[in-house]
Amino acid sequence: MSTAAAPARVAYPQLRARPSAKPLVSALAIAGCDAAAIIAVAALTVVLREFLNGNLDISEYLRLWPVLCVFLAAYGGFGLYPGVTIGPVMEIRRATEATTLVFLLLASMTFLMRDALTYSRSIFFVGWVGIVVAVPLARSGMRRWLSRKSWWGYPVVVFGHGRMTER
């Protein structure tokens, strides 16, 4: 007869999965947030410039709405969608790079099409700074607001035990 003790049973906590997580919906929410931030900054910048100077043809700026798609495509190309898988530092860096690239593209296009005098340089510069600041802030607020929704994010597996794995 052996006197060795039987191995102790380990009690594993119950796994709680969120099967309703929908990564596509999360990505669309982030893209919508980006679009709203860009539109808000653009509108505020044009209205502010109109208020300060008063000599502005707003219709020239309204016809630039397709540029919004260029911003979203650039953000997608820089890996900013789905928007829940990269860290904040990398997200800010990529968003700044993508925004800067789009504004450089816009500057080049207005120069090549000889429309440089049609658009205000102050709107261009303030819009660039505003979007660089507003997009990461809006994304952060959106994530904070939607993170408690059952459909938010991606399903993950957490290894470990204790209270830290239940958060």
Foldseek 3Di string as FASTA:
>chain_A
DDPDDDDDDDDADDDDWLVQADLVVLQVLLLVLLLVQLVVLLVVLVVVVCVVPVPADCVVVVVCVVLSVQLSVLCVVLVCPVPPPDDLVSNLVSNLVSLVVSLVVVCVVCVVVVVVVRDDPSSSVSSSVSSSPRSSVSSVVSCVVCVPPSHHDDIDDDDDDDDVVVD
